[in-house]
PDB file of N, CA and C in Angstrom:
ATOM      1  N   UNK A   1      88.222  48.400-123.139  1.00  0.00           N
ATOM      2  CA  UNK A   1      88.700  47.058-122.970  1.00  0.00           C
ATOM      3  C   UNK A   1      88.419  46.284-124.244  1.00  0.00           C
ATOM      4  N   UNK A   2      89.381  45.509-124.663  1.00  0.00           N
ATOM      5  CA  UNK A   2      89.202  44.704-125.854  1.00  0.00           C
ATOM      6  C   UNK A   2      88.828  43.279-125.447  1.00  0.00           C
ATOM      7  N   UNK A   3      88.096  42.616-126.322  1.00  0.00           N
ATOM      8  CA  UNK A   3      87.726  41.225-126.066  1.00  0.00           C
ATOM      9  C   UNK A   3      88.954  40.336-125.914  1.00  0.00           C
ATOM     10  N   UNK A   4      89.992  40.527-126.758  1.00  0.00           N
ATOM     11  CA  UNK A   4      91.185  39.693-126.568  1.00  0.00           C
ATOM     12  C   UNK A   4      91.838  39.879-125.193  1.00  0.00           C
ATOM     13  N   UNK A   5      91.849  41.109-124.695  1.00  0.00           N
ATOM     14  CA  UNK A   5      92.433  41.357-123.365  1.00  0.00           C
ATOM     15  C   UNK A   5      91.638  40.616-122.292  1.00  0.00           C
ATOM     16  N   UNK A   6      90.337  40.697-122.373  1.00  0.00           N
ATOM     17  CA  UNK A   6      89.492  40.017-121.401  1.00  0.00           C
ATOM     18  C   UNK A   6      89.708  38.506-121.474  1.00  0.00           C
ATOM     19  N   UNK A   7      89.811  37.976-122.662  1.00  0.00           N
ATOM     20  CA  UNK A   7      90.049  36.534-122.811  1.00  0.00           C
ATOM     21  C   UNK A   7      91.414  36.131-122.272  1.00  0.00           C
ATOM     22  N   UNK A   8      92.425  36.976-122.469  1.00  0.00           N
ATOM     23  CA  UNK A   8      93.745  36.685-121.900  1.00  0.00           C
ATOM     24  C   UNK A   8      93.675  36.646-120.372  1.00  0.00           C
ATOM     25  N   UNK A   9      92.937  37.578-119.800  1.00  0.00           N
ATOM     26  CA  UNK A   9      92.807  37.596-118.341  1.00  0.00           C
ATOM     27  C   UNK A   9      92.033  36.382-117.839  1.00  0.00           C
ATOM     28  N   UNK A  10      90.993  35.994-118.550  1.00  0.00           N
ATOM     29  CA  UNK A  10      90.251  34.781-118.171  1.00  0.00           C
ATOM     30  C   UNK A  10      91.166  33.554-118.235  1.00  0.00           C
ATOM     31  N   UNK A  11      91.980  33.487-119.265  1.00  0.00           N
ATOM     32  CA  UNK A  11      92.916  32.370-119.401  1.00  0.00           C
ATOM     33  C   UNK A  11      93.941  32.376-118.276  1.00  0.00           C
ATOM     34  N   UNK A  12      94.408  33.553-117.908  1.00  0.00           N
ATOM     35  CA  UNK A  12      95.367  33.673-116.814  1.00  0.00           C
ATOM     36  C   UNK A  12      94.755  33.169-115.508  1.00  0.00           C
ATOM     37  N   UNK A  13      93.510  33.553-115.242  1.00  0.00           N
ATOM     38  CA  UNK A  13      92.837  33.100-114.022  1.00  0.00           C
ATOM     39  C   UNK A  13      92.608  31.591-114.069  1.00  0.00           C
ATOM     40  N   UNK A  14      92.249  31.077-115.233  1.00  0.00           N
ATOM     41  CA  UNK A  14      92.057  29.628-115.353  1.00  0.00           C
ATOM     42  C   UNK A  14      93.359  28.876-115.084  1.00  0.00           C
ATOM     43  N   UNK A  15      94.463  29.430-115.542  1.00  0.00           N
ATOM     44  CA  UNK A  15      95.763  28.787-115.353  1.00  0.00           C
ATOM     45  C   UNK A  15      96.298  28.963-113.934  1.00  0.00           C
ATOM     46  N   UNK A  16      95.947  30.092-113.301  1.00  0.00           N
ATOM     47  CA  UNK A  16      96.464  30.406-111.966  1.00  0.00           C
ATOM     48  C   UNK A  16      95.317  30.900-111.079  1.00  0.00           C
ATOM     49  N   UNK A  17      94.374  30.032-110.740  1.00  0.00           N
ATOM     50  CA  UNK A  17      93.181  30.469-110.013  1.00  0.00           C
ATOM     51  C   UNK A  17      93.447  31.050-108.620  1.00  0.00           C
ATOM     52  N   UNK A  18      94.604  30.747-108.050  1.00  0.00           N
ATOM     53  CA  UNK A  18      94.922  31.265-106.708  1.00  0.00           C
ATOM     54  C   UNK A  18      95.821  32.488-106.727  1.00  0.00           C
ATOM     55  N   UNK A  19      96.030  33.069-107.899  1.00  0.00           N
ATOM     56  CA  UNK A  19      96.854  34.280-108.016  1.00  0.00           C
ATOM     57  C   UNK A  19      95.950  35.491-107.781  1.00  0.00           C
ATOM     58  N   UNK A  20      96.103  36.169-106.650  1.00  0.00           N
ATOM     59  CA  UNK A  20      95.205  37.296-106.370  1.00  0.00           C
ATOM     60  C   UNK A  20      95.308  38.421-107.395  1.00  0.00           C
ATOM     61  N   UNK A  21      96.496  38.656-107.925  1.00  0.00           N
ATOM     62  CA  UNK A  21      96.646  39.731-108.913  1.00  0.00           C
ATOM     63  C   UNK A  21      95.850  39.435-110.174  1.00  0.00           C
ATOM     64  N   UNK A  22      95.891  38.193-110.627  1.00  0.00           N
ATOM     65  CA  UNK A  22      95.126  37.811-111.820  1.00  0.00           C
ATOM     66  C   UNK A  22      93.638  38.036-111.578  1.00  0.00           C
ATOM     67  N   UNK A  23      93.170  37.654-110.399  1.00  0.00           N
ATOM     68  CA  UNK A  23      91.747  37.856-110.053  1.00  0.00           C
ATOM     69  C   UNK A  23      91.389  39.341-110.040  1.00  0.00           C
ATOM     70  N   UNK A  24      92.282  40.140-109.462  1.00  0.00           N
ATOM     71  CA  UNK A  24      92.005  41.581-109.372  1.00  0.00           C
ATOM     72  C   UNK A  24      91.957  42.210-110.759  1.00  0.00           C
ATOM     73  N   UNK A  25      92.900  41.866-111.605  1.00  0.00           N
ATOM     74  CA  UNK A  25      92.915  42.427-112.956  1.00  0.00           C
ATOM     75  C   UNK A  25      91.667  42.027-113.730  1.00  0.00           C
ATOM     76  N   UNK A  26      91.264  40.750-113.624  1.00  0.00           N
ATOM     77  CA  UNK A  26      90.057  40.300-114.318  1.00  0.00           C
ATOM     78  C   UNK A  26      88.830  41.000-113.750  1.00  0.00           C
ATOM     79  N   UNK A  27      88.727  41.084-112.440  1.00  0.00           N
ATOM     80  CA  UNK A  27      87.580  41.751-111.815  1.00  0.00           C
ATOM     81  C   UNK A  27      87.479  43.200-112.263  1.00  0.00           C
ATOM     82  N   UNK A  28      88.608  43.882-112.329  1.00  0.00           N
ATOM     83  CA  UNK A  28      88.618  45.276-112.745  1.00  0.00           C
ATOM     84  C   UNK A  28      88.150  45.430-114.183  1.00  0.00           C
ATOM     85  N   UNK A  29      88.595  44.560-115.062  1.00  0.00           N
ATOM     86  CA  UNK A  29      88.175  44.626-116.468  1.00  0.00           C
ATOM     87  C   UNK A  29      86.689  44.304-116.607  1.00  0.00           C
ATOM     88  N   UNK A  30      86.206  43.335-115.853  1.00  0.00           N
ATOM     89  CA  UNK A  30      84.785  43.009-115.891  1.00  0.00           C
ATOM     90  C   UNK A  30      83.950  44.173-115.376  1.00  0.00           C
ATOM     91  N   UNK A  31      84.442  44.845-114.331  1.00  0.00           N
ATOM     92  CA  UNK A  31      83.748  46.016-113.795  1.00  0.00           C
ATOM     93  C   UNK A  31      83.660  47.104-114.863  1.00  0.00           C
ATOM     94  N   UNK A  32      84.772  47.357-115.533  1.00  0.00           N
ATOM     95  CA  UNK A  32      84.794  48.376-116.590  1.00  0.00           C
ATOM     96  C   UNK A  32      83.829  48.038-117.720  1.00  0.00           C
ATOM     97  N   UNK A  33      83.651  46.740-117.960  1.00  0.00           N
ATOM     98  CA  UNK A  33      82.773  46.287-119.032  1.00  0.00           C
ATOM     99  C   UNK A  33      81.303  46.254-118.604  1.00  0.00           C
ATOM    100  N   UNK A  34      81.047  46.507-117.320  1.00  0.00           N
ATOM    101  CA  UNK A  34      79.673  46.484-116.827  1.00  0.00           C
ATOM    102  C   UNK A  34      79.158  45.091-116.524  1.00  0.00           C
ATOM    103  N   UNK A  35      80.058  44.129-116.404  1.00  0.00           N
ATOM    104  CA  UNK A  35      79.676  42.766-116.019  1.00  0.00           C
ATOM    105  C   UNK A  35      79.724  42.694-114.499  1.00  0.00           C
ATOM    106  N   UNK A  36      78.641  43.156-113.874  1.00  0.00           N
ATOM    107  CA  UNK A  36      78.616  43.296-112.411  1.00  0.00           C
ATOM    108  C   UNK A  36      78.698  41.950-111.712  1.00  0.00           C
ATOM    109  N   UNK A  37      78.040  40.946-112.267  1.00  0.00           N
ATOM    110  CA  UNK A  37      78.075  39.613-111.662  1.00  0.00           C
ATOM    111  C   UNK A  37      79.499  39.061-111.688  1.00  0.00           C
ATOM    112  N   UNK A  38      80.133  39.134-112.839  1.00  0.00           N
ATOM    113  CA  UNK A  38      81.507  38.640-112.958  1.00  0.00           C
ATOM    114  C   UNK A  38      82.471  39.425-112.088  1.00  0.00           C
ATOM    115  N   UNK A  39      82.303  40.743-112.067  1.00  0.00           N
ATOM    116  CA  UNK A  39      83.170  41.583-111.239  1.00  0.00           C
ATOM    117  C   UNK A  39      83.002  41.230-109.765  1.00  0.00           C
ATOM    118  N   UNK A  40      81.761  41.099-109.313  1.00  0.00           N
ATOM    119  CA  UNK A  40      81.519  40.762-107.909  1.00  0.00           C
ATOM    120  C   UNK A  40      82.147  39.418-107.552  1.00  0.00           C
ATOM    121  N   UNK A  41      81.990  38.449-108.434  1.00  0.00           N
ATOM    122  CA  UNK A  41      82.562  37.121-108.184  1.00  0.00           C
ATOM    123  C   UNK A  41      84.080  37.206-108.017  1.00  0.00           C
ATOM    124  N   UNK A  42      84.739  37.856-108.946  1.00  0.00           N
ATOM    125  CA  UNK A  42      86.200  37.868-108.914  1.00  0.00           C
ATOM    126  C   UNK A  42      86.769  38.812-107.857  1.00  0.00           C
ATOM    127  N   UNK A  43      86.080  39.922-107.555  1.00  0.00           N
ATOM    128  CA  UNK A  43      86.532  40.751-106.434  1.00  0.00           C
ATOM    129  C   UNK A  43      86.407  39.970-105.129  1.00  0.00           C
ATOM    130  N   UNK A  44      85.323  39.205-104.989  1.00  0.00           N
ATOM    131  CA  UNK A  44      85.151  38.391-103.791  1.00  0.00           C
ATOM    132  C   UNK A  44      86.260  37.360-103.634  1.00  0.00           C
ATOM    133  N   UNK A  45      86.607  36.694-104.725  1.00  0.00           N
ATOM    134  CA  UNK A  45      87.697  35.712-104.673  1.00  0.00           C
ATOM    135  C   UNK A  45      89.015  36.415-104.364  1.00  0.00           C
ATOM    136  N   UNK A  46      89.244  37.558-105.007  1.00  0.00           N
ATOM    137  CA  UNK A  46      90.470  38.313-104.737  1.00  0.00           C
ATOM    138  C   UNK A  46      90.598  38.619-103.249  1.00  0.00           C
ATOM    139  N   UNK A  47      89.526  39.105-102.654  1.00  0.00           N
ATOM    140  CA  UNK A  47      89.563  39.470-101.232  1.00  0.00           C
ATOM    141  C   UNK A  47      89.917  38.250-100.383  1.00  0.00           C
ATOM    142  N   UNK A  48      89.361  37.113-100.736  1.00  0.00           N
ATOM    143  CA  UNK A  48      89.685  35.897-100.001  1.00  0.00           C
ATOM    144  C   UNK A  48      91.132  35.459-100.150  1.00  0.00           C
ATOM    145  N   UNK A  49      91.717  35.772-101.282  1.00  0.00           N
ATOM    146  CA  UNK A  49      93.099  35.378-101.547  1.00  0.00           C
ATOM    147  C   UNK A  49      94.118  36.404-101.082  1.00  0.00           C
ATOM    148  N   UNK A  50      93.725  37.671-101.063  1.00  0.00           N
ATOM    149  CA  UNK A  50      94.711  38.736-100.854  1.00  0.00           C
ATOM    150  C   UNK A  50      95.271  38.764 -99.446  1.00  0.00           C
ATOM    151  N   UNK A  51      94.422  38.538 -98.476  1.00  0.00           N
ATOM    152  CA  UNK A  51      94.867  38.515 -97.099  1.00  0.00           C
ATOM    153  C   UNK A  51      95.461  39.816 -96.599  1.00  0.00           C
ATOM    154  N   UNK A  52      95.001  40.938 -97.157  1.00  0.00           N
ATOM    155  CA  UNK A  52      95.618  42.165 -96.695  1.00  0.00           C
ATOM    156  C   UNK A  52      94.882  43.418 -97.049  1.00  0.00           C
ATOM    157  N   UNK A  53      95.594  44.320 -97.596  1.00  0.00           N
ATOM    158  CA  UNK A  53      95.155  45.683 -97.873  1.00  0.00           C
ATOM    159  C   UNK A  53      94.205  45.676 -99.074  1.00  0.00           C
ATOM    160  N   UNK A  54      92.915  45.472 -98.820  1.00  0.00           N
ATOM    161  CA  UNK A  54      91.972  45.276 -99.914  1.00  0.00           C
ATOM    162  C   UNK A  54      90.755  46.195 -99.842  1.00  0.00           C
ATOM    163  N   UNK A  55      90.907  47.355 -99.235  1.00  0.00           N
ATOM    164  CA  UNK A  55      89.794  48.302 -99.132  1.00  0.00           C
ATOM    165  C   UNK A  55      89.254  48.735-100.481  1.00  0.00           C
ATOM    166  N   UNK A  56      90.139  48.949-101.453  1.00  0.00           N
ATOM    167  CA  UNK A  56      89.689  49.360-102.786  1.00  0.00           C
ATOM    168  C   UNK A  56      88.896  48.250-103.458  1.00  0.00           C
ATOM    169  N   UNK A  57      89.279  47.006-103.234  1.00  0.00           N
ATOM    170  CA  UNK A  57      88.523  45.884-103.803  1.00  0.00           C
ATOM    171  C   UNK A  57      87.132  45.802-103.165  1.00  0.00           C
ATOM    172  N   UNK A  58      87.052  46.060-101.872  1.00  0.00           N
ATOM    173  CA  UNK A  58      85.737  46.092-101.223  1.00  0.00           C
ATOM    174  C   UNK A  58      84.863  47.197-101.816  1.00  0.00           C
ATOM    175  N   UNK A  59      85.461  48.340-102.133  1.00  0.00           N
ATOM    176  CA  UNK A  59      84.708  49.437-102.756  1.00  0.00           C
ATOM    177  C   UNK A  59      84.114  48.969-104.080  1.00  0.00           C
ATOM    178  N   UNK A  60      84.912  48.333-104.905  1.00  0.00           N
ATOM    179  CA  UNK A  60      84.429  47.861-106.198  1.00  0.00           C
ATOM    180  C   UNK A  60      83.449  46.705-106.051  1.00  0.00           C
ATOM    181  N   UNK A  61      83.685  45.837-105.082  1.00  0.00           N
ATOM    182  CA  UNK A  61      82.741  44.753-104.812  1.00  0.00           C
ATOM    183  C   UNK A  61      81.396  45.343-104.409  1.00  0.00           C
ATOM    184  N   UNK A  62      81.416  46.306-103.499  1.00  0.00           N
ATOM    185  CA  UNK A  62      80.172  46.945-103.060  1.00  0.00           C
ATOM    186  C   UNK A  62      79.435  47.604-104.210  1.00  0.00           C
ATOM    187  N   UNK A  63      80.165  48.305-105.065  1.00  0.00           N
ATOM    188  CA  UNK A  63      79.535  48.972-106.207  1.00  0.00           C
ATOM    189  C   UNK A  63      78.926  47.952-107.163  1.00  0.00           C
ATOM    190  N   UNK A  64      79.612  46.843-107.384  1.00  0.00           N
ATOM    191  CA  UNK A  64      79.075  45.787-108.252  1.00  0.00           C
ATOM    192  C   UNK A  64      77.789  45.219-107.661  1.00  0.00           C
ATOM    193  N   UNK A  65      77.829  44.932-106.371  1.00  0.00           N
ATOM    194  CA  UNK A  65      76.656  44.365-105.703  1.00  0.00           C
ATOM    195  C   UNK A  65      75.482  45.340-105.713  1.00  0.00           C
ATOM    196  N   UNK A  66      75.773  46.622-105.527  1.00  0.00           N
ATOM    197  CA  UNK A  66      74.711  47.633-105.611  1.00  0.00           C
ATOM    198  C   UNK A  66      74.034  47.590-106.963  1.00  0.00           C
ATOM    199  N   UNK A  67      74.821  47.533-108.022  1.00  0.00           N
ATOM    200  CA  UNK A  67      74.280  47.531-109.383  1.00  0.00           C
ATOM    201  C   UNK A  67      73.469  46.273-109.665  1.00  0.00           C
ATOM    202  N   UNK A  68      73.730  45.218-108.908  1.00  0.00           N
ATOM    203  CA  UNK A  68      72.953  43.989-109.042  1.00  0.00           C
ATOM    204  C   UNK A  68      71.707  44.000-108.155  1.00  0.00           C
ATOM    205  N   UNK A  69      71.532  45.087-107.386  1.00  0.00           N
ATOM    206  CA  UNK A  69      70.384  45.184-106.491  1.00  0.00           C
ATOM    207  C   UNK A  69      70.556  44.419-105.193  1.00  0.00           C
ATOM    208  N   UNK A  70      71.750  44.012-104.879  1.00  0.00           N
ATOM    209  CA  UNK A  70      72.048  43.236-103.673  1.00  0.00           C
ATOM    210  C   UNK A  70      72.550  44.195-102.595  1.00  0.00           C
ATOM    211  N   UNK A  71      71.631  45.018-102.114  1.00  0.00           N
ATOM    212  CA  UNK A  71      71.957  46.137-101.235  1.00  0.00           C
ATOM    213  C   UNK A  71      72.579  45.711 -99.903  1.00  0.00           C
ATOM    214  N   UNK A  72      72.053  44.680 -99.272  1.00  0.00           N
ATOM    215  CA  UNK A  72      72.594  44.256 -97.972  1.00  0.00           C
ATOM    216  C   UNK A  72      74.026  43.760 -98.125  1.00  0.00           C
ATOM    217  N   UNK A  73      74.280  43.001 -99.170  1.00  0.00           N
ATOM    218  CA  UNK A  73      75.647  42.519 -99.419  1.00  0.00           C
ATOM    219  C   UNK A  73      76.580  43.682 -99.750  1.00  0.00           C
ATOM    220  N   UNK A  74      76.064  44.654-100.493  1.00  0.00           N
ATOM    221  CA  UNK A  74      76.868  45.837-100.817  1.00  0.00           C
ATOM    222  C   UNK A  74      77.227  46.592 -99.540  1.00  0.00           C
ATOM    223  N   UNK A  75      76.248  46.759 -98.657  1.00  0.00           N
ATOM    224  CA  UNK A  75      76.506  47.459 -97.396  1.00  0.00           C
ATOM    225  C   UNK A  75      77.571  46.728 -96.587  1.00  0.00           C
ATOM    226  N   UNK A  76      77.502  45.414 -96.552  1.00  0.00           N
ATOM    227  CA  UNK A  76      78.490  44.640 -95.815  1.00  0.00           C
ATOM    228  C   UNK A  76      79.876  44.782 -96.446  1.00  0.00           C
ATOM    229  N   UNK A  77      79.932  44.814 -97.782  1.00  0.00           N
ATOM    230  CA  UNK A  77      81.219  45.014 -98.458  1.00  0.00           C
ATOM    231  C   UNK A  77      81.801  46.377 -98.093  1.00  0.00           C
ATOM    232  N   UNK A  78      80.963  47.410 -98.079  1.00  0.00           N
ATOM    233  CA  UNK A  78      81.455  48.738 -97.709  1.00  0.00           C
ATOM    234  C   UNK A  78      81.939  48.763 -96.262  1.00  0.00           C
ATOM    235  N   UNK A  79      81.201  48.116 -95.364  1.00  0.00           N
ATOM    236  CA  UNK A  79      81.627  48.073 -93.956  1.00  0.00           C
ATOM    237  C   UNK A  79      82.980  47.347 -93.814  1.00  0.00           C
ATOM    238  N   UNK A  80      83.106  46.236 -94.504  1.00  0.00           N
ATOM    239  CA  UNK A  80      84.373  45.500 -94.458  1.00  0.00           C
ATOM    240  C   UNK A  80      85.496  46.333 -95.066  1.00  0.00           C
ATOM    241  N   UNK A  81      85.184  47.069 -96.105  1.00  0.00           N
ATOM    242  CA  UNK A  81      86.172  47.939 -96.728  1.00  0.00           C
ATOM    243  C   UNK A  81      86.631  49.048 -95.799  1.00  0.00           C
ATOM    244  N   UNK A  82      85.701  49.595 -95.042  1.00  0.00           N
ATOM    245  CA  UNK A  82      86.057  50.636 -94.066  1.00  0.00           C
ATOM    246  C   UNK A  82      87.045  50.073 -93.051  1.00  0.00           C
ATOM    247  N   UNK A  83      86.729  48.886 -92.522  1.00  0.00           N
ATOM    248  CA  UNK A  83      87.611  48.266 -91.534  1.00  0.00           C
ATOM    249  C   UNK A  83      88.992  47.979 -92.136  1.00  0.00           C
ATOM    250  N   UNK A  84      89.002  47.472 -93.357  1.00  0.00           N
ATOM    251  CA  UNK A  84      90.283  47.181 -94.013  1.00  0.00           C
ATOM    252  C   UNK A  84      91.087  48.459 -94.244  1.00  0.00           C
ATOM    253  N   UNK A  85      90.424  49.479 -94.741  1.00  0.00           N
ATOM    254  CA  UNK A  85      91.106  50.748 -95.015  1.00  0.00           C
ATOM    255  C   UNK A  85      91.694  51.338 -93.734  1.00  0.00           C
ATOM    256  N   UNK A  86      90.897  51.353 -92.682  1.00  0.00           N
ATOM    257  CA  UNK A  86      91.390  51.901 -91.416  1.00  0.00           C
ATOM    258  C   UNK A  86      92.541  51.065 -90.866  1.00  0.00           C
ATOM    259  N   UNK A  87      92.458  49.757 -91.032  1.00  0.00           N
ATOM    260  CA  UNK A  87      93.504  48.865 -90.550  1.00  0.00           C
ATOM    261  C   UNK A  87      94.830  49.040 -91.271  1.00  0.00           C
ATOM    262  N   UNK A  88      94.770  49.661 -92.442  1.00  0.00           N
ATOM    263  CA  UNK A  88      95.994  49.876 -93.206  1.00  0.00           C
ATOM    264  C   UNK A  88      96.336  51.362 -93.363  1.00  0.00           C
ATOM    265  N   UNK A  89      95.693  52.191 -92.542  1.00  0.00           N
ATOM    266  CA  UNK A  89      96.037  53.609 -92.514  1.00  0.00           C
ATOM    267  C   UNK A  89      95.536  54.425 -93.693  1.00  0.00           C
ATOM    268  N   UNK A  90      94.467  53.974 -94.330  1.00  0.00           N
ATOM    269  CA  UNK A  90      93.914  54.687 -95.484  1.00  0.00           C
ATOM    270  C   UNK A  90      92.631  55.424 -95.090  1.00  0.00           C
ATOM    271  N   UNK A  91      92.781  56.484 -94.333  1.00  0.00           N
ATOM    272  CA  UNK A  91      91.621  57.228 -93.825  1.00  0.00           C
ATOM    273  C   UNK A  91      90.782  57.803 -94.968  1.00  0.00           C
ATOM    274  N   UNK A  92      91.426  58.285 -96.025  1.00  0.00           N
ATOM    275  CA  UNK A  92      90.689  58.854 -97.151  1.00  0.00           C
ATOM    276  C   UNK A  92      89.788  57.826 -97.814  1.00  0.00           C
ATOM    277  N   UNK A  93      90.288  56.629 -98.016  1.00  0.00           N
ATOM    278  CA  UNK A  93      89.484  55.558 -98.598  1.00  0.00           C
ATOM    279  C   UNK A  93      88.358  55.168 -97.648  1.00  0.00           C
ATOM    280  N   UNK A  94      88.652  55.107 -96.359  1.00  0.00           N
ATOM    281  CA  UNK A  94      87.614  54.784 -95.373  1.00  0.00           C
ATOM    282  C   UNK A  94      86.499  55.818 -95.426  1.00  0.00           C
ATOM    283  N   UNK A  95      86.864  57.083 -95.553  1.00  0.00           N
ATOM    284  CA  UNK A  95      85.864  58.148 -95.626  1.00  0.00           C
ATOM    285  C   UNK A  95      85.013  58.002 -96.897  1.00  0.00           C
ATOM    286  N   UNK A  96      85.660  57.689 -97.997  1.00  0.00           N
ATOM    287  CA  UNK A  96      84.919  57.469 -99.248  1.00  0.00           C
ATOM    288  C   UNK A  96      83.921  56.317 -99.091  1.00  0.00           C
ATOM    289  N   UNK A  97      84.359  55.244 -98.473  1.00  0.00           N
ATOM    290  CA  UNK A  97      83.483  54.099 -98.255  1.00  0.00           C
ATOM    291  C   UNK A  97      82.333  54.442 -97.305  1.00  0.00           C
ATOM    292  N   UNK A  98      82.613  55.245 -96.292  1.00  0.00           N
ATOM    293  CA  UNK A  98      81.534  55.704 -95.398  1.00  0.00           C
ATOM    294  C   UNK A  98      80.476  56.466 -96.185  1.00  0.00           C
ATOM    295  N   UNK A  99      80.938  57.327 -97.091  1.00  0.00           N
ATOM    296  CA  UNK A  99      80.007  58.094 -97.927  1.00  0.00           C
ATOM    297  C   UNK A  99      79.157  57.185 -98.799  1.00  0.00           C
ATOM    298  N   UNK A 100      79.764  56.177 -99.406  1.00  0.00           N
ATOM    299  CA  UNK A 100      79.020  55.230-100.227  1.00  0.00           C
ATOM    300  C   UNK A 100      78.005  54.463 -99.393  1.00  0.00           C
ATOM    301  N   UNK A 101      78.393  54.082 -98.194  1.00  0.00           N
ATOM    302  CA  UNK A 101      77.486  53.372 -97.295  1.00  0.00           C
ATOM    303  C   UNK A 101      76.316  54.262 -96.897  1.00  0.00           C
ATOM    304  N   UNK A 102      76.588  55.513 -96.588  1.00  0.00           N
ATOM    305  CA  UNK A 102      75.510  56.456 -96.237  1.00  0.00           C
ATOM    306  C   UNK A 102      74.534  56.614 -97.386  1.00  0.00           C
ATOM    307  N   UNK A 103      75.043  56.767 -98.600  1.00  0.00           N
ATOM    308  CA  UNK A 103      74.166  56.891 -99.766  1.00  0.00           C
ATOM    309  C   UNK A 103      73.319  55.651 -99.949  1.00  0.00           C
ATOM    310  N   UNK A 104      73.918  54.510 -99.760  1.00  0.00           N
ATOM    311  CA  UNK A 104      73.194  53.246 -99.924  1.00  0.00           C
ATOM    312  C   UNK A 104      72.092  53.094 -98.888  1.00  0.00           C
ATOM    313  N   UNK A 105      72.421  53.430 -97.656  1.00  0.00           N
ATOM    314  CA  UNK A 105      71.466  53.239 -96.568  1.00  0.00           C
ATOM    315  C   UNK A 105      70.483  54.391 -96.419  1.00  0.00           C
ATOM    316  N   UNK A 106      70.811  55.519 -97.096  1.00  0.00           N
ATOM    317  CA  UNK A 106      70.031  56.735 -97.157  1.00  0.00           C
ATOM    318  C   UNK A 106      68.884  56.805 -96.290  1.00  0.00           C
TER     319      UNK A 106
END
């Protein structure tokens, strides 16, 4: 990820704060950069805006929260992701999230 790309995404979110796609793209880039706090913030906003099929965002939110040491919040994100995935027919993603939850709760 380049700094200019990240700045363009930040500018896009600033200009269109209610655009779920902009939030998702920024959250993904922040996650790749290891900015767990920023990624968690923007994945959370994305989930609130998306209103739908967001199991993958819950997976990334949970992983970000885990890396921040916020285990209970991460577990809740994984549980919500499982419900979302199952609600949209994504059994494979639900299974992956179950595995992450099991590892977390070990």
